[in-house]
Amino acid sequence: MVLLGEITPNHPYWYARILGIYHMETWLNVGGQPAKRHLEVLWVRWLALPQTYKSSIKYAHLPKVTFVKESDPNAFGFLNPSQVIRGAHLIPTFASGHGTSSLHYGKLLAFLWRN
């Protein structure tokens, strides 16, 4: 869970599934001078709120999230761990008719890099 960053959001958070945690030694150009830096990043698959689902106290429904389609160029990304404000346990709703994986090409796309 990270803060959304929009000025007038409909929902205050972005959600993501962490696929990997990486520690890197990199060289950054700081003021024209190369400097070695240690970076920590999270590789994530983003989740989005369904457009047609209504949630709030008014509707007596908790928010739902779905994976962003892998065809979207922003479906996967890197995140600074300091931006994470809280971990959340999400429970799949198998009764909604969705399978165990929302990846069109199976788990290969997301897990190829982990192995």
PDB file of N, CA and C in Angstrom:
ATOM      1  N   MET A   1       0.840  -1.166   0.000  1.00  0.00           N
ATOM      2  CA  MET A   1       0.000   0.000   0.000  1.00  0.00           C
ATOM      3  C   MET A   1       0.890   1.237   0.000  1.00  0.00           C
ATOM      4  N   VAL A   2       0.647   2.117  -0.947  1.00  0.00           N
ATOM      5  CA  VAL A   2       1.366   3.388  -0.999  1.00  0.00           C
ATOM      6  C   VAL A   2       0.342   4.501  -1.183  1.00  0.00           C
ATOM      7  N   LEU A   3       0.693   5.714  -0.754  1.00  0.00           N
ATOM      8  CA  LEU A   3      -0.208   6.844  -0.950  1.00  0.00           C
ATOM      9  C   LEU A   3      -0.347   7.143  -2.431  1.00  0.00           C
ATOM     10  N   LEU A   4      -1.530   7.528  -2.844  1.00  0.00           N
ATOM     11  CA  LEU A   4      -1.842   7.726  -4.249  1.00  0.00           C
ATOM     12  C   LEU A   4      -1.093   8.901  -4.866  1.00  0.00           C
ATOM     13  N   GLY A   5      -1.038  10.011  -4.208  1.00  0.00           N
ATOM     14  CA  GLY A   5      -0.310  11.154  -4.749  1.00  0.00           C
ATOM     15  C   GLY A   5      -1.146  12.068  -5.616  1.00  0.00           C
ATOM     16  N   GLU A   6      -2.421  11.776  -5.811  1.00  0.00           N
ATOM     17  CA  GLU A   6      -3.294  12.674  -6.561  1.00  0.00           C
ATOM     18  C   GLU A   6      -3.902  13.689  -5.607  1.00  0.00           C
ATOM     19  N   ILE A   7      -4.245  14.855  -6.119  1.00  0.00           N
ATOM     20  CA  ILE A   7      -4.781  15.915  -5.265  1.00  0.00           C
ATOM     21  C   ILE A   7      -6.208  15.608  -4.808  1.00  0.00           C
ATOM     22  N   THR A   8      -7.053  15.117  -5.711  1.00  0.00           N
ATOM     23  CA  THR A   8      -8.438  14.779  -5.346  1.00  0.00           C
ATOM     24  C   THR A   8      -8.732  13.332  -5.738  1.00  0.00           C
ATOM     25  N   PRO A   9      -8.204  12.366  -4.970  1.00  0.00           N
ATOM     26  CA  PRO A   9      -8.398  10.965  -5.351  1.00  0.00           C
ATOM     27  C   PRO A   9      -9.777  10.440  -4.945  1.00  0.00           C
ATOM     28  N   ASN A  10     -10.246   9.429  -5.682  1.00  0.00           N
ATOM     29  CA  ASN A  10     -11.446   8.706  -5.274  1.00  0.00           C
ATOM     30  C   ASN A  10     -11.115   7.713  -4.179  1.00  0.00           C
ATOM     31  N   HIS A  11      -9.895   7.228  -4.170  1.00  0.00           N
ATOM     32  CA  HIS A  11      -9.402   6.268  -3.175  1.00  0.00           C
ATOM     33  C   HIS A  11      -7.978   6.709  -2.841  1.00  0.00           C
ATOM     34  N   PRO A  12      -7.591   6.721  -1.569  1.00  0.00           N
ATOM     35  CA  PRO A  12      -6.305   7.333  -1.204  1.00  0.00           C
ATOM     36  C   PRO A  12      -5.051   6.487  -1.442  1.00  0.00           C
ATOM     37  N   TYR A  13      -5.183   5.235  -1.877  1.00  0.00           N
ATOM     38  CA  TYR A  13      -4.012   4.355  -1.952  1.00  0.00           C
ATOM     39  C   TYR A  13      -3.872   3.684  -3.306  1.00  0.00           C
ATOM     40  N   TRP A  14      -2.625   3.277  -3.597  1.00  0.00           N
ATOM     41  CA  TRP A  14      -2.310   2.356  -4.683  1.00  0.00           C
ATOM     42  C   TRP A  14      -1.921   1.051  -4.012  1.00  0.00           C
ATOM     43  N   TYR A  15      -2.201  -0.065  -4.655  1.00  0.00           N
ATOM     44  CA  TYR A  15      -1.846  -1.377  -4.128  1.00  0.00           C
ATOM     45  C   TYR A  15      -0.969  -2.089  -5.137  1.00  0.00           C
ATOM     46  N   ALA A  16      -0.073  -2.955  -4.641  1.00  0.00           N
ATOM     47  CA  ALA A  16       0.815  -3.708  -5.519  1.00  0.00           C
ATOM     48  C   ALA A  16       1.190  -5.019  -4.857  1.00  0.00           C
ATOM     49  N   ARG A  17       1.496  -5.997  -5.684  1.00  0.00           N
ATOM     50  CA  ARG A  17       2.037  -7.257  -5.193  1.00  0.00           C
ATOM     51  C   ARG A  17       3.540  -7.208  -5.393  1.00  0.00           C
ATOM     52  N   ILE A  18       4.294  -7.507  -4.355  1.00  0.00           N
ATOM     53  CA  ILE A  18       5.754  -7.482  -4.443  1.00  0.00           C
ATOM     54  C   ILE A  18       6.223  -8.783  -5.075  1.00  0.00           C
ATOM     55  N   LEU A  19       6.929  -8.663  -6.195  1.00  0.00           N
ATOM     56  CA  LEU A  19       7.465  -9.820  -6.895  1.00  0.00           C
ATOM     57  C   LEU A  19       8.914 -10.088  -6.523  1.00  0.00           C
ATOM     58  N   GLY A  20       9.627  -9.044  -6.111  1.00  0.00           N
ATOM     59  CA  GLY A  20      11.026  -9.210  -5.745  1.00  0.00           C
ATOM     60  C   GLY A  20      11.555  -8.012  -4.986  1.00  0.00           C
ATOM     61  N   ILE A  21      12.580  -8.269  -4.165  1.00  0.00           N
ATOM     62  CA  ILE A  21      13.265  -7.219  -3.407  1.00  0.00           C
ATOM     63  C   ILE A  21      14.723  -7.237  -3.867  1.00  0.00           C
ATOM     64  N   TYR A  22      15.207  -6.089  -4.324  1.00  0.00           N
ATOM     65  CA  TYR A  22      16.550  -6.039  -4.892  1.00  0.00           C
ATOM     66  C   TYR A  22      17.405  -4.982  -4.206  1.00  0.00           C
ATOM     67  N   HIS A  23      18.690  -5.325  -4.032  1.00  0.00           N
ATOM     68  CA  HIS A  23      19.700  -4.420  -3.488  1.00  0.00           C
ATOM     69  C   HIS A  23      20.747  -4.250  -4.583  1.00  0.00           C
ATOM     70  N   MET A  24      21.034  -3.005  -4.954  1.00  0.00           N
ATOM     71  CA  MET A  24      21.943  -2.753  -6.068  1.00  0.00           C
ATOM     72  C   MET A  24      23.017  -1.743  -5.681  1.00  0.00           C
ATOM     73  N   GLU A  25      24.200  -1.964  -6.202  1.00  0.00           N
ATOM     74  CA  GLU A  25      25.269  -0.981  -6.128  1.00  0.00           C
ATOM     75  C   GLU A  25      25.299  -0.312  -7.504  1.00  0.00           C
ATOM     76  N   THR A  26      25.042   0.980  -7.549  1.00  0.00           N
ATOM     77  CA  THR A  26      24.954   1.692  -8.822  1.00  0.00           C
ATOM     78  C   THR A  26      25.858   2.922  -8.805  1.00  0.00           C
ATOM     79  N   TRP A  27      26.106   3.426  -9.996  1.00  0.00           N
ATOM     80  CA  TRP A  27      26.833   4.679 -10.145  1.00  0.00           C
ATOM     81  C   TRP A  27      25.840   5.725 -10.630  1.00  0.00           C
ATOM     82  N   LEU A  28      25.720   6.820  -9.898  1.00  0.00           N
ATOM     83  CA  LEU A  28      24.836   7.920 -10.280  1.00  0.00           C
ATOM     84  C   LEU A  28      25.672   9.151 -10.572  1.00  0.00           C
ATOM     85  N   ASN A  29      25.232   9.919 -11.551  1.00  0.00           N
ATOM     86  CA  ASN A  29      25.906  11.161 -11.888  1.00  0.00           C
ATOM     87  C   ASN A  29      25.316  12.267 -11.017  1.00  0.00           C
ATOM     88  N   VAL A  30      26.030  12.636  -9.977  1.00  0.00           N
ATOM     89  CA  VAL A  30      25.566  13.655  -9.028  1.00  0.00           C
ATOM     90  C   VAL A  30      26.379  14.921  -9.234  1.00  0.00           C
ATOM     91  N   GLY A  31      25.762  15.937  -9.840  1.00  0.00           N
ATOM     92  CA  GLY A  31      26.455  17.200 -10.081  1.00  0.00           C
ATOM     93  C   GLY A  31      27.667  17.067 -10.982  1.00  0.00           C
ATOM     94  N   GLY A  32      27.595  16.178 -11.962  1.00  0.00           N
ATOM     95  CA  GLY A  32      28.714  15.996 -12.883  1.00  0.00           C
ATOM     96  C   GLY A  32      29.798  15.079 -12.360  1.00  0.00           C
ATOM     97  N   GLN A  33      29.638  14.585 -11.150  1.00  0.00           N
ATOM     98  CA  GLN A  33      30.626  13.707 -10.530  1.00  0.00           C
ATOM     99  C   GLN A  33      29.996  12.333 -10.280  1.00  0.00           C
ATOM    100  N   PRO A  34      30.560  11.252 -10.848  1.00  0.00           N
ATOM    101  CA  PRO A  34      30.003   9.920 -10.583  1.00  0.00           C
ATOM    102  C   PRO A  34      30.166   9.541  -9.111  1.00  0.00           C
ATOM    103  N   ALA A  35      29.085   8.988  -8.561  1.00  0.00           N
ATOM    104  CA  ALA A  35      29.117   8.577  -7.155  1.00  0.00           C
ATOM    105  C   ALA A  35      28.468   7.202  -7.029  1.00  0.00           C
ATOM    106  N   LYS A  36      29.113   6.321  -6.271  1.00  0.00           N
ATOM    107  CA  LYS A  36      28.584   4.981  -6.053  1.00  0.00           C
ATOM    108  C   LYS A  36      27.509   5.057  -4.978  1.00  0.00           C
ATOM    109  N   ARG A  37      26.346   4.452  -5.265  1.00  0.00           N
ATOM    110  CA  ARG A  37      25.214   4.484  -4.324  1.00  0.00           C
ATOM    111  C   ARG A  37      24.642   3.085  -4.164  1.00  0.00           C
ATOM    112  N   HIS A  38      24.147   2.809  -2.973  1.00  0.00           N
ATOM    113  CA  HIS A  38      23.434   1.564  -2.700  1.00  0.00           C
ATOM    114  C   HIS A  38      21.943   1.857  -2.829  1.00  0.00           C
ATOM    115  N   LEU A  39      21.244   1.136  -3.716  1.00  0.00           N
ATOM    116  CA  LEU A  39      19.815   1.330  -3.907  1.00  0.00           C
ATOM    117  C   LEU A  39      19.065   0.069  -3.531  1.00  0.00           C
ATOM    118  N   GLU A  40      17.933   0.250  -2.906  1.00  0.00           N
ATOM    119  CA  GLU A  40      17.018  -0.852  -2.621  1.00  0.00           C
ATOM    120  C   GLU A  40      15.725  -0.557  -3.362  1.00  0.00           C
ATOM    121  N   VAL A  41      15.212  -1.538  -4.097  1.00  0.00           N
ATOM    122  CA  VAL A  41      13.977  -1.356  -4.851  1.00  0.00           C
ATOM    123  C   VAL A  41      13.105  -2.593  -4.710  1.00  0.00           C
ATOM    124  N   LEU A  42      11.815  -2.382  -4.879  1.00  0.00           N
ATOM    125  CA  LEU A  42      10.844  -3.469  -4.927  1.00  0.00           C
ATOM    126  C   LEU A  42      10.351  -3.583  -6.360  1.00  0.00           C
ATOM    127  N   TRP A  43      10.326  -4.797  -6.895  1.00  0.00           N
ATOM    128  CA  TRP A  43       9.731  -5.031  -8.199  1.00  0.00           C
ATOM    129  C   TRP A  43       8.292  -5.432  -7.928  1.00  0.00           C
ATOM    130  N   VAL A  44       7.324  -4.713  -8.498  1.00  0.00           N
ATOM    131  CA  VAL A  44       5.920  -4.907  -8.145  1.00  0.00           C
ATOM    132  C   VAL A  44       5.047  -5.113  -9.377  1.00  0.00           C
ATOM    133  N   ARG A  45       3.921  -5.740  -9.141  1.00  0.00           N
ATOM    134  CA  ARG A  45       2.830  -5.810 -10.121  1.00  0.00           C
ATOM    135  C   ARG A  45       1.698  -4.999  -9.525  1.00  0.00           C
ATOM    136  N   TRP A  46       1.265  -3.982 -10.248  1.00  0.00           N
ATOM    137  CA  TRP A  46       0.272  -3.047  -9.730  1.00  0.00           C
ATOM    138  C   TRP A  46      -1.134  -3.624  -9.768  1.00  0.00           C
ATOM    139  N   LEU A  47      -1.922  -3.212  -8.781  1.00  0.00           N
ATOM    140  CA  LEU A  47      -3.339  -3.551  -8.697  1.00  0.00           C
ATOM    141  C   LEU A  47      -4.137  -2.268  -8.875  1.00  0.00           C
ATOM    142  N   ALA A  48      -5.351  -2.415  -9.394  1.00  0.00           N
ATOM    143  CA  ALA A  48      -6.206  -1.244  -9.622  1.00  0.00           C
ATOM    144  C   ALA A  48      -7.602  -1.522  -9.084  1.00  0.00           C
ATOM    145  N   LEU A  49      -8.309  -0.459  -8.785  1.00  0.00           N
ATOM    146  CA  LEU A  49      -9.705  -0.582  -8.368  1.00  0.00           C
ATOM    147  C   LEU A  49     -10.562  -0.801  -9.606  1.00  0.00           C
ATOM    148  N   PRO A  50     -11.470  -1.789  -9.593  1.00  0.00           N
ATOM    149  CA  PRO A  50     -12.360  -1.979 -10.753  1.00  0.00           C
ATOM    150  C   PRO A  50     -13.236  -0.749 -10.955  1.00  0.00           C
ATOM    151  N   GLN A  51     -13.405  -0.356 -12.209  1.00  0.00           N
ATOM    152  CA  GLN A  51     -14.164   0.858 -12.526  1.00  0.00           C
ATOM    153  C   GLN A  51     -15.652   0.724 -12.224  1.00  0.00           C
ATOM    154  N   THR A  52     -16.212  -0.478 -12.376  1.00  0.00           N
ATOM    155  CA  THR A  52     -17.660  -0.640 -12.226  1.00  0.00           C
ATOM    156  C   THR A  52     -18.091  -1.035 -10.820  1.00  0.00           C
ATOM    157  N   TYR A  53     -17.136  -1.366  -9.951  1.00  0.00           N
ATOM    158  CA  TYR A  53     -17.464  -1.810  -8.591  1.00  0.00           C
ATOM    159  C   TYR A  53     -17.574  -0.606  -7.661  1.00  0.00           C
ATOM    160  N   LYS A  54     -18.629  -0.529  -6.913  1.00  0.00           N
ATOM    161  CA  LYS A  54     -18.837   0.577  -5.976  1.00  0.00           C
ATOM    162  C   LYS A  54     -18.599   0.074  -4.556  1.00  0.00           C
ATOM    163  N   SER A  55     -17.749   0.797  -3.837  1.00  0.00           N
ATOM    164  CA  SER A  55     -17.467   0.414  -2.449  1.00  0.00           C
ATOM    165  C   SER A  55     -17.456   1.657  -1.570  1.00  0.00           C
ATOM    166  N   SER A  56     -18.029   1.516  -0.413  1.00  0.00           N
ATOM    167  CA  SER A  56     -18.016   2.553   0.617  1.00  0.00           C
ATOM    168  C   SER A  56     -19.000   2.124   1.701  1.00  0.00           C
ATOM    169  N   ILE A  57     -19.086   2.920   2.743  1.00  0.00           N
ATOM    170  CA  ILE A  57     -20.073   2.656   3.785  1.00  0.00           C
ATOM    171  C   ILE A  57     -21.476   2.756   3.200  1.00  0.00           C
ATOM    172  N   LYS A  58     -21.642   3.668   2.261  1.00  0.00           N
ATOM    173  CA  LYS A  58     -22.939   3.857   1.608  1.00  0.00           C
ATOM    174  C   LYS A  58     -23.417   2.574   0.912  1.00  0.00           C
ATOM    175  N   TYR A  59     -22.492   1.851   0.252  1.00  0.00           N
ATOM    176  CA  TYR A  59     -22.846   0.626  -0.457  1.00  0.00           C
ATOM    177  C   TYR A  59     -22.639  -0.629   0.389  1.00  0.00           C
ATOM    178  N   ALA A  60     -22.078  -0.494   1.563  1.00  0.00           N
ATOM    179  CA  ALA A  60     -21.787  -1.608   2.485  1.00  0.00           C
ATOM    180  C   ALA A  60     -20.878  -2.653   1.840  1.00  0.00           C
ATOM    181  N   HIS A  61     -19.873  -2.177   1.069  1.00  0.00           N
ATOM    182  CA  HIS A  61     -18.900  -3.056   0.432  1.00  0.00           C
ATOM    183  C   HIS A  61     -17.496  -2.534   0.697  1.00  0.00           C
ATOM    184  N   LEU A  62     -16.587  -3.464   1.001  1.00  0.00           N
ATOM    185  CA  LEU A  62     -15.178  -3.107   1.098  1.00  0.00           C
ATOM    186  C   LEU A  62     -14.611  -2.934  -0.310  1.00  0.00           C
ATOM    187  N   PRO A  63     -13.521  -2.179  -0.458  1.00  0.00           N
ATOM    188  CA  PRO A  63     -12.917  -2.019  -1.784  1.00  0.00           C
ATOM    189  C   PRO A  63     -12.399  -3.354  -2.324  1.00  0.00           C
ATOM    190  N   LYS A  64     -12.441  -3.506  -3.650  1.00  0.00           N
ATOM    191  CA  LYS A  64     -11.839  -4.643  -4.344  1.00  0.00           C
ATOM    192  C   LYS A  64     -10.719  -4.117  -5.222  1.00  0.00           C
ATOM    193  N   VAL A  65      -9.726  -4.960  -5.458  1.00  0.00           N
ATOM    194  CA  VAL A  65      -8.652  -4.611  -6.377  1.00  0.00           C
ATOM    195  C   VAL A  65      -8.450  -5.768  -7.343  1.00  0.00           C
ATOM    196  N   THR A  66      -7.981  -5.440  -8.542  1.00  0.00           N
ATOM    197  CA  THR A  66      -7.644  -6.448  -9.546  1.00  0.00           C
ATOM    198  C   THR A  66      -6.279  -6.109 -10.113  1.00  0.00           C
ATOM    199  N   PHE A  67      -5.609  -7.118 -10.647  1.00  0.00           N
ATOM    200  CA  PHE A  67      -4.325  -6.859 -11.280  1.00  0.00           C
ATOM    201  C   PHE A  67      -4.530  -6.008 -12.521  1.00  0.00           C
ATOM    202  N   VAL A  68      -3.622  -5.077 -12.744  1.00  0.00           N
ATOM    203  CA  VAL A  68      -3.602  -4.320 -13.988  1.00  0.00           C
ATOM    204  C   VAL A  68      -3.206  -5.309 -15.086  1.00  0.00           C
ATOM    205  N   LYS A  69      -3.880  -5.267 -16.227  1.00  0.00           N
ATOM    206  CA  LYS A  69      -3.594  -6.207 -17.325  1.00  0.00           C
ATOM    207  C   LYS A  69      -2.138  -6.095 -17.750  1.00  0.00           C
ATOM    208  N   GLU A  70      -1.514  -7.258 -18.033  1.00  0.00           N
ATOM    209  CA  GLU A  70      -0.086  -7.234 -18.380  1.00  0.00           C
ATOM    210  C   GLU A  70       0.187  -6.540 -19.699  1.00  0.00           C
ATOM    211  N   SER A  71      -0.844  -6.310 -20.505  1.00  0.00           N
ATOM    212  CA  SER A  71      -0.650  -5.565 -21.750  1.00  0.00           C
ATOM    213  C   SER A  71      -0.450  -4.072 -21.493  1.00  0.00           C
ATOM    214  N   ASP A  72      -0.816  -3.604 -20.311  1.00  0.00           N
ATOM    215  CA  ASP A  72      -0.599  -2.209 -19.925  1.00  0.00           C
ATOM    216  C   ASP A  72       0.894  -2.006 -19.671  1.00  0.00           C
ATOM    217  N   PRO A  73       1.526  -1.002 -20.273  1.00  0.00           N
ATOM    218  CA  PRO A  73       2.971  -0.803 -20.068  1.00  0.00           C
ATOM    219  C   PRO A  73       3.345  -0.479 -18.621  1.00  0.00           C
ATOM    220  N   ASN A  74       2.373  -0.096 -17.805  1.00  0.00           N
ATOM    221  CA  ASN A  74       2.638   0.228 -16.401  1.00  0.00           C
ATOM    222  C   ASN A  74       2.169  -0.864 -15.447  1.00  0.00           C
ATOM    223  N   ALA A  75       1.928  -2.076 -15.926  1.00  0.00           N
ATOM    224  CA  ALA A  75       1.446  -3.162 -15.073  1.00  0.00           C
ATOM    225  C   ALA A  75       2.508  -3.590 -14.066  1.00  0.00           C
ATOM    226  N   PHE A  76       3.779  -3.515 -14.443  1.00  0.00           N
ATOM    227  CA  PHE A  76       4.897  -3.878 -13.572  1.00  0.00           C
ATOM    228  C   PHE A  76       5.762  -2.646 -13.377  1.00  0.00           C
ATOM    229  N   GLY A  77       6.418  -2.561 -12.248  1.00  0.00           N
ATOM    230  CA  GLY A  77       7.274  -1.414 -12.018  1.00  0.00           C
ATOM    231  C   GLY A  77       8.169  -1.596 -10.818  1.00  0.00           C
ATOM    232  N   PHE A  78       8.962  -0.578 -10.567  1.00  0.00           N
ATOM    233  CA  PHE A  78       9.855  -0.571  -9.418  1.00  0.00           C
ATOM    234  C   PHE A  78       9.402   0.508  -8.450  1.00  0.00           C
ATOM    235  N   LEU A  79       9.595   0.237  -7.166  1.00  0.00           N
ATOM    236  CA  LEU A  79       9.104   1.108  -6.113  1.00  0.00           C
ATOM    237  C   LEU A  79      10.172   1.243  -5.040  1.00  0.00           C
ATOM    238  N   ASN A  80      10.335   2.437  -4.533  1.00  0.00           N
ATOM    239  CA  ASN A  80      11.233   2.678  -3.411  1.00  0.00           C
ATOM    240  C   ASN A  80      10.570   2.110  -2.154  1.00  0.00           C
ATOM    241  N   PRO A  81      11.243   1.229  -1.392  1.00  0.00           N
ATOM    242  CA  PRO A  81      10.628   0.649  -0.200  1.00  0.00           C
ATOM    243  C   PRO A  81      10.161   1.689   0.824  1.00  0.00           C
ATOM    244  N   SER A  82      10.763   2.877   0.835  1.00  0.00           N
ATOM    245  CA  SER A  82      10.354   3.901   1.796  1.00  0.00           C
ATOM    246  C   SER A  82       8.968   4.463   1.483  1.00  0.00           C
ATOM    247  N   GLN A  83       8.447   4.207   0.272  1.00  0.00           N
ATOM    248  CA  GLN A  83       7.120   4.687  -0.090  1.00  0.00           C
ATOM    249  C   GLN A  83       6.008   3.770   0.427  1.00  0.00           C
ATOM    250  N   VAL A  84       6.357   2.562   0.825  1.00  0.00           N
ATOM    251  CA  VAL A  84       5.355   1.620   1.341  1.00  0.00           C
ATOM    252  C   VAL A  84       4.928   2.069   2.728  1.00  0.00           C
ATOM    253  N   ILE A  85       3.619   2.262   2.908  1.00  0.00           N
ATOM    254  CA  ILE A  85       3.152   2.716   4.216  1.00  0.00           C
ATOM    255  C   ILE A  85       2.573   1.587   5.058  1.00  0.00           C
ATOM    256  N   ARG A  86       2.187   0.496   4.404  1.00  0.00           N
ATOM    257  CA  ARG A  86       1.611  -0.605   5.163  1.00  0.00           C
ATOM    258  C   ARG A  86       1.483  -1.836   4.274  1.00  0.00           C
ATOM    259  N   GLY A  87       1.674  -2.993   4.850  1.00  0.00           N
ATOM    260  CA  GLY A  87       1.402  -4.239   4.150  1.00  0.00           C
ATOM    261  C   GLY A  87      -0.064  -4.589   4.342  1.00  0.00           C
ATOM    262  N   ALA A  88      -0.623  -5.304   3.405  1.00  0.00           N
ATOM    263  CA  ALA A  88      -2.031  -5.690   3.498  1.00  0.00           C
ATOM    264  C   ALA A  88      -2.183  -7.132   3.050  1.00  0.00           C
ATOM    265  N   HIS A  89      -3.064  -7.859   3.718  1.00  0.00           N
ATOM    266  CA  HIS A  89      -3.379  -9.223   3.322  1.00  0.00           C
ATOM    267  C   HIS A  89      -4.636  -9.171   2.470  1.00  0.00           C
ATOM    268  N   LEU A  90      -4.511  -9.569   1.219  1.00  0.00           N
ATOM    269  CA  LEU A  90      -5.646  -9.547   0.303  1.00  0.00           C
ATOM    270  C   LEU A  90      -6.145 -10.965   0.102  1.00  0.00           C
ATOM    271  N   ILE A  91      -7.450 -11.141   0.165  1.00  0.00           N
ATOM    272  CA  ILE A  91      -8.056 -12.462   0.027  1.00  0.00           C
ATOM    273  C   ILE A  91      -8.662 -12.583  -1.369  1.00  0.00           C
ATOM    274  N   PRO A  92      -8.222 -13.574  -2.167  1.00  0.00           N
ATOM    275  CA  PRO A  92      -8.783 -13.734  -3.513  1.00  0.00           C
ATOM    276  C   PRO A  92     -10.269 -14.102  -3.452  1.00  0.00           C
ATOM    277  N   THR A  93     -11.033 -13.624  -4.411  1.00  0.00           N
ATOM    278  CA  THR A  93     -12.450 -13.989  -4.502  1.00  0.00           C
ATOM    279  C   THR A  93     -12.616 -14.960  -5.662  1.00  0.00           C
ATOM    280  N   PHE A  94     -12.331 -16.225  -5.406  1.00  0.00           N
ATOM    281  CA  PHE A  94     -12.428 -17.240  -6.440  1.00  0.00           C
ATOM    282  C   PHE A  94     -13.866 -17.404  -6.917  1.00  0.00           C
ATOM    283  N   ALA A  95     -14.826 -17.083  -6.069  1.00  0.00           N
ATOM    284  CA  ALA A  95     -16.239 -17.207  -6.437  1.00  0.00           C
ATOM    285  C   ALA A  95     -16.631 -16.219  -7.532  1.00  0.00           C
ATOM    286  N   SER A  96     -15.815 -15.199  -7.769  1.00  0.00           N
ATOM    287  CA  SER A  96     -16.142 -14.212  -8.805  1.00  0.00           C
ATOM    288  C   SER A  96     -15.871 -14.728 -10.211  1.00  0.00           C
ATOM    289  N   GLY A  97     -15.326 -15.944 -10.313  1.00  0.00           N
ATOM    290  CA  GLY A  97     -15.103 -16.538 -11.627  1.00  0.00           C
ATOM    291  C   GLY A  97     -13.712 -16.338 -12.181  1.00  0.00           C
ATOM    292  N   HIS A  98     -12.841 -15.674 -11.451  1.00  0.00           N
ATOM    293  CA  HIS A  98     -11.469 -15.461 -11.921  1.00  0.00           C
ATOM    294  C   HIS A  98     -10.601 -16.606 -11.426  1.00  0.00           C
ATOM    295  N   GLY A  99      -9.610 -16.957 -12.216  1.00  0.00           N
ATOM    296  CA  GLY A  99      -8.726 -18.055 -11.860  1.00  0.00           C
ATOM    297  C   GLY A  99      -7.652 -17.637 -10.886  1.00  0.00           C
ATOM    298  N   THR A 100      -6.688 -18.520 -10.680  1.00  0.00           N
ATOM    299  CA  THR A 100      -5.614 -18.252  -9.729  1.00  0.00           C
ATOM    300  C   THR A 100      -4.575 -17.300 -10.291  1.00  0.00           C
ATOM    301  N   SER A 101      -4.550 -17.120 -11.610  1.00  0.00           N
ATOM    302  CA  SER A 101      -3.585 -16.207 -12.223  1.00  0.00           C
ATOM    303  C   SER A 101      -4.302 -15.312 -13.215  1.00  0.00           C
ATOM    304  N   SER A 102      -4.035 -14.040 -13.158  1.00  0.00           N
ATOM    305  CA  SER A 102      -4.637 -13.127 -14.125  1.00  0.00           C
ATOM    306  C   SER A 102      -3.700 -12.848 -15.283  1.00  0.00           C
ATOM    307  N   LEU A 103      -2.555 -13.517 -15.306  1.00  0.00           N
ATOM    308  CA  LEU A 103      -1.624 -13.317 -16.407  1.00  0.00           C
ATOM    309  C   LEU A 103      -2.091 -14.096 -17.627  1.00  0.00           C
ATOM    310  N   HIS A 104      -2.229 -13.418 -18.735  1.00  0.00           N
ATOM    311  CA  HIS A 104      -2.680 -14.038 -19.973  1.00  0.00           C
ATOM    312  C   HIS A 104      -1.717 -15.135 -20.408  1.00  0.00           C
ATOM    313  N   TYR A 105      -0.432 -14.933 -20.170  1.00  0.00           N
ATOM    314  CA  TYR A 105       0.582 -15.889 -20.595  1.00  0.00           C
ATOM    315  C   TYR A 105       1.041 -16.798 -19.458  1.00  0.00           C
ATOM    316  N   GLY A 106       0.262 -16.884 -18.397  1.00  0.00           N
ATOM    317  CA  GLY A 106       0.616 -17.739 -17.268  1.00  0.00           C
ATOM    318  C   GLY A 106       1.633 -17.079 -16.360  1.00  0.00           C
ATOM    319  N   LYS A 107       2.205 -17.869 -15.477  1.00  0.00           N
ATOM    320  CA  LYS A 107       3.124 -17.340 -14.477  1.00  0.00           C
ATOM    321  C   LYS A 107       4.493 -17.008 -15.050  1.00  0.00           C
ATOM    322  N   LEU A 108       4.794 -17.454 -16.253  1.00  0.00           N
ATOM    323  CA  LEU A 108       6.119 -17.256 -16.824  1.00  0.00           C
ATOM    324  C   LEU A 108       6.534 -15.798 -16.852  1.00  0.00           C
ATOM    325  N   LEU A 109       5.636 -14.906 -17.237  1.00  0.00           N
ATOM    326  CA  LEU A 109       5.984 -13.496 -17.363  1.00  0.00           C
ATOM    327  C   LEU A 109       6.430 -12.893 -16.033  1.00  0.00           C
ATOM    328  N   ALA A 110       5.759 -13.215 -14.941  1.00  0.00           N
ATOM    329  CA  ALA A 110       6.079 -12.629 -13.649  1.00  0.00           C
ATOM    330  C   ALA A 110       7.178 -13.376 -12.917  1.00  0.00           C
ATOM    331  N   PHE A 111       7.277 -14.675 -13.114  1.00  0.00           N
ATOM    332  CA  PHE A 111       8.199 -15.455 -12.304  1.00  0.00           C
ATOM    333  C   PHE A 111       9.480 -15.861 -13.016  1.00  0.00           C
ATOM    334  N   LEU A 112       9.600 -15.546 -14.312  1.00  0.00           N
ATOM    335  CA  LEU A 112      10.806 -15.867 -15.039  1.00  0.00           C
ATOM    336  C   LEU A 112      12.025 -15.202 -14.407  1.00  0.00           C
ATOM    337  N   TRP A 113      11.858 -13.972 -13.964  1.00  0.00           N
ATOM    338  CA  TRP A 113      12.958 -13.197 -13.398  1.00  0.00           C
ATOM    339  C   TRP A 113      13.330 -13.657 -12.000  1.00  0.00           C
ATOM    340  N   ARG A 114      12.439 -14.348 -11.313  1.00  0.00           N
ATOM    341  CA  ARG A 114      12.703 -14.776  -9.933  1.00  0.00           C
ATOM    342  C   ARG A 114      13.557 -16.013  -9.884  1.00  0.00           C
ATOM    343  N   ASN A 115      13.512 -16.851 -10.906  1.00  0.00           N
ATOM    344  CA  ASN A 115      14.220 -18.128 -10.878  1.00  0.00           C
ATOM    345  C   ASN A 115      15.591 -18.022 -11.514  1.00  0.00           C
TER     346      ASN A 115
END
